Amino acid sequence: MLFDSHTHLNDEQFNEDREEVIRRAREEYGVTRVLNVGFNRETIPDSLALAEKYDFIYSAVGWHPVDAKDCTEEDLDWLESLCDHPKVVALGEMGLDYHWDKSPRGVQESVFRQQIRMARELDFPIIIHDREAHEDVLRILKEEKAEEVGGVMHCFGGDWEMARDCLDMNFYIGLGGPVTFKNAKLPKEIAQQVPLDRLLVETDSPYLAPHPNRGKRNESGYVRLVAEKIAELRGMSLEALAEATYDNANRLFRISG
């Protein structure tokens, strides 16, 4: 029982074989639940459509920092209204991205803060995108009292000191493909140190495919490769690691059954 806690199966890279990718994840890799993430006007409707089509797929809705410059008050109202959807279980992904820097940093921060406030009003967990912006992300989470709702640090790329800060703020740590990369020392250390009851596994597919598929299109089934590597690093069975992270995701996103 594996839960891919962050994927983008609606991405156009799956247009030719989406149903086959989903079947493969289920039947060949043992993925039983998926959280698909929509992050702007274009991707959210497709993410919701997948969640409505498949009973084991859930959706998160949010506004990505790369697209922050395009976010309007109407868009934020729309996001809030979508949280009434029975398959929407989180707000996000949201945060800061200083790598691509396609939206002004002040605009990114404003959209990030507004989404955290919305999550607190709705009592929804949040999914954080943090790329080359660790200090500012932590500062904003603390200033906006994000610990009241908690969430997950998606594709966590910080050090153990940052991880401790996130854990103290009621956040889970999400790890994906980079934990399998041969020279990725930091993710491996985090995988060993994070308390088992605060760990999630993810793919972020179609991006960040794990070894030995690095550089190719990622898919949800490959979350098994992530889980296998983390189980190896922690000296535990794949079954135990899968069960723990499956339970963690269900608890965070309040999915029963």
C-alpha atoms as a PDB file:
ATOM      1  CA  MET A   1       0.000   0.000   0.000  1.00  0.00           C
ATOM      2  CA  LEU A   2       1.781   3.091  -1.282  1.00  0.00           C
ATOM      3  CA  PHE A   3       0.499   6.675  -1.280  1.00  0.00           C
ATOM      4  CA  ASP A   4       2.071   9.002  -3.857  1.00  0.00           C
ATOM      5  CA  SER A   5       1.532  12.212  -1.912  1.00  0.00           C
ATOM      6  CA  HIS A   6       2.435  14.614  -4.740  1.00  0.00           C
ATOM      7  CA  THR A   7       2.062  14.087  -8.478  1.00  0.00           C
ATOM      8  CA  HIS A   8       0.859  15.863 -11.620  1.00  0.00           C
ATOM      9  CA  LEU A   9      -0.840  13.141 -13.665  1.00  0.00           C
ATOM     10  CA  ASN A  10      -2.788  15.801 -15.534  1.00  0.00           C
ATOM     11  CA  ASP A  11       0.456  17.056 -17.116  1.00  0.00           C
ATOM     12  CA  GLU A  12       0.528  17.072 -20.916  1.00  0.00           C
ATOM     13  CA  GLN A  13       3.445  14.604 -20.850  1.00  0.00           C
ATOM     14  CA  PHE A  14       0.829  11.949 -20.009  1.00  0.00           C
ATOM     15  CA  ASN A  15      -1.619  12.860 -22.759  1.00  0.00           C
ATOM     16  CA  GLU A  16      -0.763   9.803 -24.864  1.00  0.00           C
ATOM     17  CA  ASP A  17      -0.815   7.153 -22.126  1.00  0.00           C
ATOM     18  CA  ARG A  18      -2.361   8.574 -18.941  1.00  0.00           C
ATOM     19  CA  GLU A  19      -4.691   5.649 -18.302  1.00  0.00           C
ATOM     20  CA  GLU A  20      -1.850   3.170 -18.804  1.00  0.00           C
ATOM     21  CA  VAL A  21       0.394   5.102 -16.394  1.00  0.00           C
ATOM     22  CA  ILE A  22      -2.356   5.047 -13.763  1.00  0.00           C
ATOM     23  CA  ARG A  23      -3.013   1.338 -14.347  1.00  0.00           C
ATOM     24  CA  ARG A  24       0.703   0.571 -14.075  1.00  0.00           C
ATOM     25  CA  ALA A  25       0.998   2.476 -10.800  1.00  0.00           C
ATOM     26  CA  ARG A  26      -1.852   0.455  -9.346  1.00  0.00           C
ATOM     27  CA  GLU A  27      -1.203  -2.997 -10.717  1.00  0.00           C
ATOM     28  CA  GLU A  28       2.580  -3.165 -11.094  1.00  0.00           C
ATOM     29  CA  TYR A  29       3.873  -0.892  -8.329  1.00  0.00           C
ATOM     30  CA  GLY A  30       1.218  -1.209  -5.623  1.00  0.00           C
ATOM     31  CA  VAL A  31       0.169   2.446  -5.459  1.00  0.00           C
ATOM     32  CA  THR A  32      -3.267   2.544  -3.842  1.00  0.00           C
ATOM     33  CA  ARG A  33      -3.743   6.281  -3.299  1.00  0.00           C
ATOM     34  CA  VAL A  34      -2.565   9.388  -5.097  1.00  0.00           C
ATOM     35  CA  LEU A  35      -2.711  13.111  -4.388  1.00  0.00           C
ATOM     36  CA  ASN A  36      -2.732  14.996  -7.679  1.00  0.00           C
ATOM     37  CA  VAL A  37      -1.820  18.671  -7.466  1.00  0.00           C
ATOM     38  CA  GLY A  38      -3.290  21.478  -9.527  1.00  0.00           C
ATOM     39  CA  PHE A  39      -1.560  24.844  -9.173  1.00  0.00           C
ATOM     40  CA  ASN A  40      -3.075  27.420 -11.565  1.00  0.00           C
ATOM     41  CA  ARG A  41      -6.095  28.118 -13.793  1.00  0.00           C
ATOM     42  CA  GLU A  42      -4.954  25.610 -16.413  1.00  0.00           C
ATOM     43  CA  THR A  43      -4.046  22.630 -14.215  1.00  0.00           C
ATOM     44  CA  ILE A  44      -6.673  22.692 -11.465  1.00  0.00           C
ATOM     45  CA  PRO A  45      -9.716  21.701 -13.593  1.00  0.00           C
ATOM     46  CA  ASP A  46      -7.806  18.749 -15.057  1.00  0.00           C
ATOM     47  CA  SER A  47      -6.657  17.675 -11.600  1.00  0.00           C
ATOM     48  CA  LEU A  48     -10.226  17.763 -10.317  1.00  0.00           C
ATOM     49  CA  ALA A  49     -11.412  15.758 -13.332  1.00  0.00           C
ATOM     50  CA  LEU A  50      -8.923  12.994 -12.509  1.00  0.00           C
ATOM     51  CA  ALA A  51     -10.060  12.944  -8.876  1.00  0.00           C
ATOM     52  CA  GLU A  52     -13.673  12.666 -10.007  1.00  0.00           C
ATOM     53  CA  LYS A  53     -12.870   9.843 -12.435  1.00  0.00           C
ATOM     54  CA  TYR A  54     -10.787   7.661 -10.101  1.00  0.00           C
ATOM     55  CA  ASP A  55     -11.872   6.901  -6.548  1.00  0.00           C
ATOM     56  CA  PHE A  56      -8.254   6.508  -5.327  1.00  0.00           C
ATOM     57  CA  ILE A  57      -7.081   9.884  -6.676  1.00  0.00           C
ATOM     58  CA  TYR A  58      -7.503  12.996  -4.542  1.00  0.00           C
ATOM     59  CA  SER A  59      -6.684  16.582  -5.427  1.00  0.00           C
ATOM     60  CA  ALA A  60      -4.955  19.613  -3.963  1.00  0.00           C
ATOM     61  CA  VAL A  61      -5.624  23.090  -5.323  1.00  0.00           C
ATOM     62  CA  GLY A  62      -3.372  26.093  -4.969  1.00  0.00           C
ATOM     63  CA  TRP A  63      -1.366  28.755  -6.750  1.00  0.00           C
ATOM     64  CA  HIS A  64       2.254  28.061  -7.647  1.00  0.00           C
ATOM     65  CA  PRO A  65       4.766  30.846  -6.922  1.00  0.00           C
ATOM     66  CA  VAL A  66       6.060  30.765 -10.503  1.00  0.00           C
ATOM     67  CA  ASP A  67       2.563  31.848 -11.612  1.00  0.00           C
ATOM     68  CA  ALA A  68       1.971  34.305  -8.753  1.00  0.00           C
ATOM     69  CA  LYS A  69       2.030  37.329 -11.070  1.00  0.00           C
ATOM     70  CA  ASP A  70      -1.109  36.007 -12.779  1.00  0.00           C
ATOM     71  CA  CYS A  71      -3.078  35.388  -9.580  1.00  0.00           C
ATOM     72  CA  THR A  72      -6.073  37.691  -9.032  1.00  0.00           C
ATOM     73  CA  GLU A  73      -8.538  38.145  -6.181  1.00  0.00           C
ATOM     74  CA  GLU A  74     -11.045  36.239  -8.310  1.00  0.00           C
ATOM     75  CA  ASP A  75      -8.592  33.350  -8.561  1.00  0.00           C
ATOM     76  CA  LEU A  76      -8.193  33.230  -4.788  1.00  0.00           C
ATOM     77  CA  ASP A  77     -11.976  33.279  -4.342  1.00  0.00           C
ATOM     78  CA  TRP A  78     -12.168  30.416  -6.833  1.00  0.00           C
ATOM     79  CA  LEU A  79      -9.599  28.410  -4.878  1.00  0.00           C
ATOM     80  CA  GLU A  80     -11.601  28.915  -1.706  1.00  0.00           C
ATOM     81  CA  SER A  81     -14.803  27.752  -3.374  1.00  0.00           C
ATOM     82  CA  LEU A  82     -13.076  24.589  -4.645  1.00  0.00           C
ATOM     83  CA  CYS A  83     -12.265  23.532  -1.110  1.00  0.00           C
ATOM     84  CA  ASP A  84     -15.891  22.442  -0.787  1.00  0.00           C
ATOM     85  CA  HIS A  85     -15.236  19.723  -3.370  1.00  0.00           C
ATOM     86  CA  PRO A  86     -15.328  16.297  -1.651  1.00  0.00           C
ATOM     87  CA  LYS A  87     -12.072  15.165  -3.288  1.00  0.00           C
ATOM     88  CA  VAL A  88     -10.054  18.317  -2.483  1.00  0.00           C
ATOM     89  CA  VAL A  89      -8.011  17.570   0.624  1.00  0.00           C
ATOM     90  CA  ALA A  90      -5.295  20.274   0.747  1.00  0.00           C
ATOM     91  CA  LEU A  91      -4.362  23.764  -0.408  1.00  0.00           C
ATOM     92  CA  GLY A  92      -1.251  24.013  -2.510  1.00  0.00           C
ATOM     93  CA  GLU A  93       1.195  23.847  -3.840  1.00  0.00           C
ATOM     94  CA  MET A  94       2.116  27.314  -2.642  1.00  0.00           C
ATOM     95  CA  GLY A  95       5.320  28.976  -1.557  1.00  0.00           C
ATOM     96  CA  LEU A  96       8.355  30.703  -3.047  1.00  0.00           C
ATOM     97  CA  ASP A  97      10.533  29.908  -6.061  1.00  0.00           C
ATOM     98  CA  TYR A  98      13.749  31.896  -6.373  1.00  0.00           C
ATOM     99  CA  HIS A  99      15.222  29.566  -9.006  1.00  0.00           C
ATOM    100  CA  TRP A 100      12.959  30.459 -11.915  1.00  0.00           C
ATOM    101  CA  ASP A 101      12.084  33.891 -10.489  1.00  0.00           C
ATOM    102  CA  LYS A 102       9.315  34.347 -13.065  1.00  0.00           C
ATOM    103  CA  SER A 103       7.137  36.338 -10.660  1.00  0.00           C
ATOM    104  CA  PRO A 104       8.406  39.263  -8.561  1.00  0.00           C
ATOM    105  CA  ARG A 105       9.381  38.091  -5.107  1.00  0.00           C
ATOM    106  CA  GLY A 106       7.038  40.539  -3.396  1.00  0.00           C
ATOM    107  CA  VAL A 107       4.135  39.187  -5.465  1.00  0.00           C
ATOM    108  CA  GLN A 108       5.114  35.602  -4.655  1.00  0.00           C
ATOM    109  CA  GLU A 109       5.138  36.460  -0.965  1.00  0.00           C
ATOM    110  CA  SER A 110       1.749  38.155  -1.082  1.00  0.00           C
ATOM    111  CA  VAL A 111       0.063  35.228  -2.864  1.00  0.00           C
ATOM    112  CA  PHE A 112       1.761  32.789  -0.472  1.00  0.00           C
ATOM    113  CA  ARG A 113       0.539  34.677   2.595  1.00  0.00           C
ATOM    114  CA  GLN A 114      -3.011  34.949   1.292  1.00  0.00           C
ATOM    115  CA  GLN A 115      -3.177  31.196   0.713  1.00  0.00           C
ATOM    116  CA  ILE A 116      -1.894  30.417   4.211  1.00  0.00           C
ATOM    117  CA  ARG A 117      -4.545  32.704   5.667  1.00  0.00           C
ATOM    118  CA  MET A 118      -7.195  30.990   3.565  1.00  0.00           C
ATOM    119  CA  ALA A 119      -6.012  27.595   4.811  1.00  0.00           C
ATOM    120  CA  ARG A 120      -6.242  28.749   8.412  1.00  0.00           C
ATOM    121  CA  GLU A 121      -9.782  30.016   7.860  1.00  0.00           C
ATOM    122  CA  LEU A 122     -10.814  26.731   6.240  1.00  0.00           C
ATOM    123  CA  ASP A 123      -8.700  24.498   8.506  1.00  0.00           C
ATOM    124  CA  PHE A 124      -6.961  22.890   5.514  1.00  0.00           C
ATOM    125  CA  PRO A 125      -3.426  21.443   5.436  1.00  0.00           C
ATOM    126  CA  ILE A 126      -1.018  23.147   3.026  1.00  0.00           C
ATOM    127  CA  ILE A 127       1.557  21.893   0.538  1.00  0.00           C
ATOM    128  CA  ILE A 128       4.716  23.984   0.386  1.00  0.00           C
ATOM    129  CA  HIS A 129       6.881  24.578  -2.677  1.00  0.00           C
ATOM    130  CA  ASP A 130      10.283  25.937  -1.625  1.00  0.00           C
ATOM    131  CA  ARG A 131      13.012  26.343  -4.205  1.00  0.00           C
ATOM    132  CA  GLU A 132      16.135  28.234  -3.163  1.00  0.00           C
ATOM    133  CA  ALA A 133      14.061  30.256  -0.676  1.00  0.00           C
ATOM    134  CA  HIS A 134      14.437  28.355   2.612  1.00  0.00           C
ATOM    135  CA  GLU A 135      14.895  31.338   4.926  1.00  0.00           C
ATOM    136  CA  ASP A 136      11.985  33.353   3.551  1.00  0.00           C
ATOM    137  CA  VAL A 137       9.654  30.336   3.425  1.00  0.00           C
ATOM    138  CA  LEU A 138      10.305  29.551   7.086  1.00  0.00           C
ATOM    139  CA  ARG A 139       9.889  33.192   8.073  1.00  0.00           C
ATOM    140  CA  ILE A 140       6.531  33.511   6.323  1.00  0.00           C
ATOM    141  CA  LEU A 141       5.234  30.216   7.710  1.00  0.00           C
ATOM    142  CA  LYS A 142       6.078  31.389  11.213  1.00  0.00           C
ATOM    143  CA  GLU A 143       4.674  34.900  10.739  1.00  0.00           C
ATOM    144  CA  GLU A 144       1.415  33.543   9.301  1.00  0.00           C
ATOM    145  CA  LYS A 145       1.029  30.933  12.085  1.00  0.00           C
ATOM    146  CA  ALA A 146       0.992  28.076   9.575  1.00  0.00           C
ATOM    147  CA  GLU A 147       1.508  25.617  12.422  1.00  0.00           C
ATOM    148  CA  GLU A 148      -2.220  25.948  13.125  1.00  0.00           C
ATOM    149  CA  VAL A 149      -2.964  23.864  10.028  1.00  0.00           C
ATOM    150  CA  GLY A 150       0.362  22.196   9.242  1.00  0.00           C
ATOM    151  CA  GLY A 151       0.977  20.407   5.988  1.00  0.00           C
ATOM    152  CA  VAL A 152       3.894  19.013   4.030  1.00  0.00           C
ATOM    153  CA  MET A 153       7.197  20.424   2.861  1.00  0.00           C
ATOM    154  CA  HIS A 154       6.968  19.007  -0.656  1.00  0.00           C
ATOM    155  CA  CYS A 155      10.194  17.695  -2.209  1.00  0.00           C
ATOM    156  CA  PHE A 156      12.103  18.840   0.867  1.00  0.00           C
ATOM    157  CA  GLY A 157      15.545  20.209  -0.006  1.00  0.00           C
ATOM    158  CA  GLY A 158      16.752  21.727   3.246  1.00  0.00           C
ATOM    159  CA  ASP A 159      19.123  20.513   5.937  1.00  0.00           C
ATOM    160  CA  TRP A 160      18.303  18.841   9.251  1.00  0.00           C
ATOM    161  CA  GLU A 161      18.122  22.161  11.109  1.00  0.00           C
ATOM    162  CA  MET A 162      15.446  23.356   8.708  1.00  0.00           C
ATOM    163  CA  ALA A 163      13.660  20.014   8.911  1.00  0.00           C
ATOM    164  CA  ARG A 164      13.494  20.372  12.702  1.00  0.00           C
ATOM    165  CA  ASP A 165      11.956  23.832  12.320  1.00  0.00           C
ATOM    166  CA  CYS A 166       9.348  22.405   9.944  1.00  0.00           C
ATOM    167  CA  LEU A 167       8.561  19.490  12.244  1.00  0.00           C
ATOM    168  CA  ASP A 168       8.129  21.937  15.129  1.00  0.00           C
ATOM    169  CA  MET A 169       5.589  23.816  12.998  1.00  0.00           C
ATOM    170  CA  ASN A 170       3.416  20.729  12.529  1.00  0.00           C
ATOM    171  CA  PHE A 171       4.718  19.868   9.046  1.00  0.00           C
ATOM    172  CA  TYR A 172       5.482  16.540   7.456  1.00  0.00           C
ATOM    173  CA  ILE A 173       8.554  16.053   5.264  1.00  0.00           C
ATOM    174  CA  GLY A 174       7.949  14.861   1.701  1.00  0.00           C
ATOM    175  CA  LEU A 175      10.776  13.061  -0.105  1.00  0.00           C
ATOM    176  CA  GLY A 176      10.905  12.025  -3.739  1.00  0.00           C
ATOM    177  CA  GLY A 177      13.305  11.030  -6.492  1.00  0.00           C
ATOM    178  CA  PRO A 178      16.372  12.969  -5.278  1.00  0.00           C
ATOM    179  CA  VAL A 179      16.718  10.632  -2.282  1.00  0.00           C
ATOM    180  CA  THR A 180      17.735   7.927  -4.784  1.00  0.00           C
ATOM    181  CA  PHE A 181      20.386  10.021  -6.593  1.00  0.00           C
ATOM    182  CA  LYS A 182      23.867   8.650  -5.974  1.00  0.00           C
ATOM    183  CA  ASN A 183      25.487  11.926  -4.896  1.00  0.00           C
ATOM    184  CA  ALA A 184      22.486  13.390  -3.067  1.00  0.00           C
ATOM    185  CA  LYS A 185      23.891  13.323   0.462  1.00  0.00           C
ATOM    186  CA  LEU A 186      21.430  15.696   2.153  1.00  0.00           C
ATOM    187  CA  PRO A 187      18.145  13.960   1.193  1.00  0.00           C
ATOM    188  CA  LYS A 188      19.576  10.661   2.379  1.00  0.00           C
ATOM    189  CA  GLU A 189      20.455  12.165   5.761  1.00  0.00           C
ATOM    190  CA  ILE A 190      16.961  13.635   6.070  1.00  0.00           C
ATOM    191  CA  ALA A 191      15.399  10.286   5.129  1.00  0.00           C
ATOM    192  CA  GLN A 192      17.219   8.646   8.012  1.00  0.00           C
ATOM    193  CA  GLN A 193      16.535  11.327  10.615  1.00  0.00           C
ATOM    194  CA  VAL A 194      12.900  12.352  10.137  1.00  0.00           C
ATOM    195  CA  PRO A 195      10.581  10.611  12.616  1.00  0.00           C
ATOM    196  CA  LEU A 196       8.760   7.827  10.799  1.00  0.00           C
ATOM    197  CA  ASP A 197       5.350   9.249  11.700  1.00  0.00           C
ATOM    198  CA  ARG A 198       6.154  12.550   9.926  1.00  0.00           C
ATOM    199  CA  LEU A 199       7.479  11.206   6.625  1.00  0.00           C
ATOM    200  CA  LEU A 200       5.732  11.159   3.231  1.00  0.00           C
ATOM    201  CA  VAL A 201       6.842   9.697  -0.097  1.00  0.00           C
ATOM    202  CA  GLU A 202       6.095  11.348  -3.424  1.00  0.00           C
ATOM    203  CA  THR A 203       7.102  11.460  -7.075  1.00  0.00           C
ATOM    204  CA  ASP A 204       6.326  15.000  -8.317  1.00  0.00           C
ATOM    205  CA  SER A 205       5.839  13.219 -11.631  1.00  0.00           C
ATOM    206  CA  PRO A 206       6.454  13.857 -14.467  1.00  0.00           C
ATOM    207  CA  TYR A 207       9.509  15.543 -12.904  1.00  0.00           C
ATOM    208  CA  LEU A 208      12.424  14.276 -10.771  1.00  0.00           C
ATOM    209  CA  ALA A 209      12.357  10.622 -11.767  1.00  0.00           C
ATOM    210  CA  PRO A 210      14.253   8.425  -9.305  1.00  0.00           C
ATOM    211  CA  HIS A 211      17.298   6.326 -10.143  1.00  0.00           C
ATOM    212  CA  PRO A 212      17.595   4.359 -12.453  1.00  0.00           C
ATOM    213  CA  ASN A 213      15.138   6.470 -14.469  1.00  0.00           C
ATOM    214  CA  ARG A 214      16.747   9.836 -13.700  1.00  0.00           C
ATOM    215  CA  GLY A 215      16.379  12.245 -16.595  1.00  0.00           C
ATOM    216  CA  LYS A 216      13.369  10.416 -18.023  1.00  0.00           C
ATOM    217  CA  ARG A 217       9.673  11.076 -17.496  1.00  0.00           C
ATOM    218  CA  ASN A 218       8.644  10.262 -13.941  1.00  0.00           C
ATOM    219  CA  GLU A 219       5.373   8.500 -13.133  1.00  0.00           C
ATOM    220  CA  SER A 220       3.417   7.744  -9.975  1.00  0.00           C
ATOM    221  CA  GLY A 221       4.431   4.093  -9.854  1.00  0.00           C
ATOM    222  CA  TYR A 222       8.023   5.106  -9.277  1.00  0.00           C
ATOM    223  CA  VAL A 223       7.111   6.169  -5.743  1.00  0.00           C
ATOM    224  CA  ARG A 224       7.916   2.539  -4.978  1.00  0.00           C
ATOM    225  CA  LEU A 225      11.564   3.193  -5.899  1.00  0.00           C
ATOM    226  CA  VAL A 226      11.597   6.151  -3.510  1.00  0.00           C
ATOM    227  CA  ALA A 227      10.088   4.043  -0.736  1.00  0.00           C
ATOM    228  CA  GLU A 228      12.547   1.213  -1.366  1.00  0.00           C
ATOM    229  CA  LYS A 229      15.533   3.553  -1.029  1.00  0.00           C
ATOM    230  CA  ILE A 230      14.217   5.162   2.164  1.00  0.00           C
ATOM    231  CA  ALA A 231      13.453   1.756   3.671  1.00  0.00           C
ATOM    232  CA  GLU A 232      17.010   0.669   2.851  1.00  0.00           C
ATOM    233  CA  LEU A 233      18.462   3.828   4.420  1.00  0.00           C
ATOM    234  CA  ARG A 234      16.404   3.322   7.569  1.00  0.00           C
ATOM    235  CA  GLY A 235      17.117  -0.395   7.802  1.00  0.00           C
ATOM    236  CA  MET A 236      13.482  -1.445   7.648  1.00  0.00           C
ATOM    237  CA  SER A 237      11.250  -3.393   5.301  1.00  0.00           C
ATOM    238  CA  LEU A 238       9.552  -1.792   2.328  1.00  0.00           C
ATOM    239  CA  GLU A 239       6.230  -3.027   3.682  1.00  0.00           C
ATOM    240  CA  ALA A 240       6.687  -1.247   7.009  1.00  0.00           C
ATOM    241  CA  LEU A 241       7.852   1.978   5.366  1.00  0.00           C
ATOM    242  CA  ALA A 242       4.957   1.879   2.878  1.00  0.00           C
ATOM    243  CA  GLU A 243       2.406   1.281   5.632  1.00  0.00           C
ATOM    244  CA  ALA A 244       3.738   4.113   7.789  1.00  0.00           C
ATOM    245  CA  THR A 245       3.848   6.687   4.985  1.00  0.00           C
ATOM    246  CA  TYR A 246       0.421   5.580   3.738  1.00  0.00           C
ATOM    247  CA  ASP A 247      -1.039   6.116   7.211  1.00  0.00           C
ATOM    248  CA  ASN A 248       0.758   9.462   7.518  1.00  0.00           C
ATOM    249  CA  ALA A 249      -0.706  10.778   4.254  1.00  0.00           C
ATOM    250  CA  ASN A 250      -4.206   9.637   5.175  1.00  0.00           C
ATOM    251  CA  ARG A 251      -3.887  11.322   8.568  1.00  0.00           C
ATOM    252  CA  LEU A 252      -2.539  14.616   7.153  1.00  0.00           C
ATOM    253  CA  PHE A 253      -5.122  14.837   4.371  1.00  0.00           C
ATOM    254  CA  ARG A 254      -7.933  13.445   6.574  1.00  0.00           C
ATOM    255  CA  ILE A 255      -8.790  10.588   4.264  1.00  0.00           C
ATOM    256  CA  SER A 256     -10.612   7.720   5.933  1.00  0.00           C
ATOM    257  CA  GLY A 257     -10.968   4.116   4.913  1.00  0.00           C
END
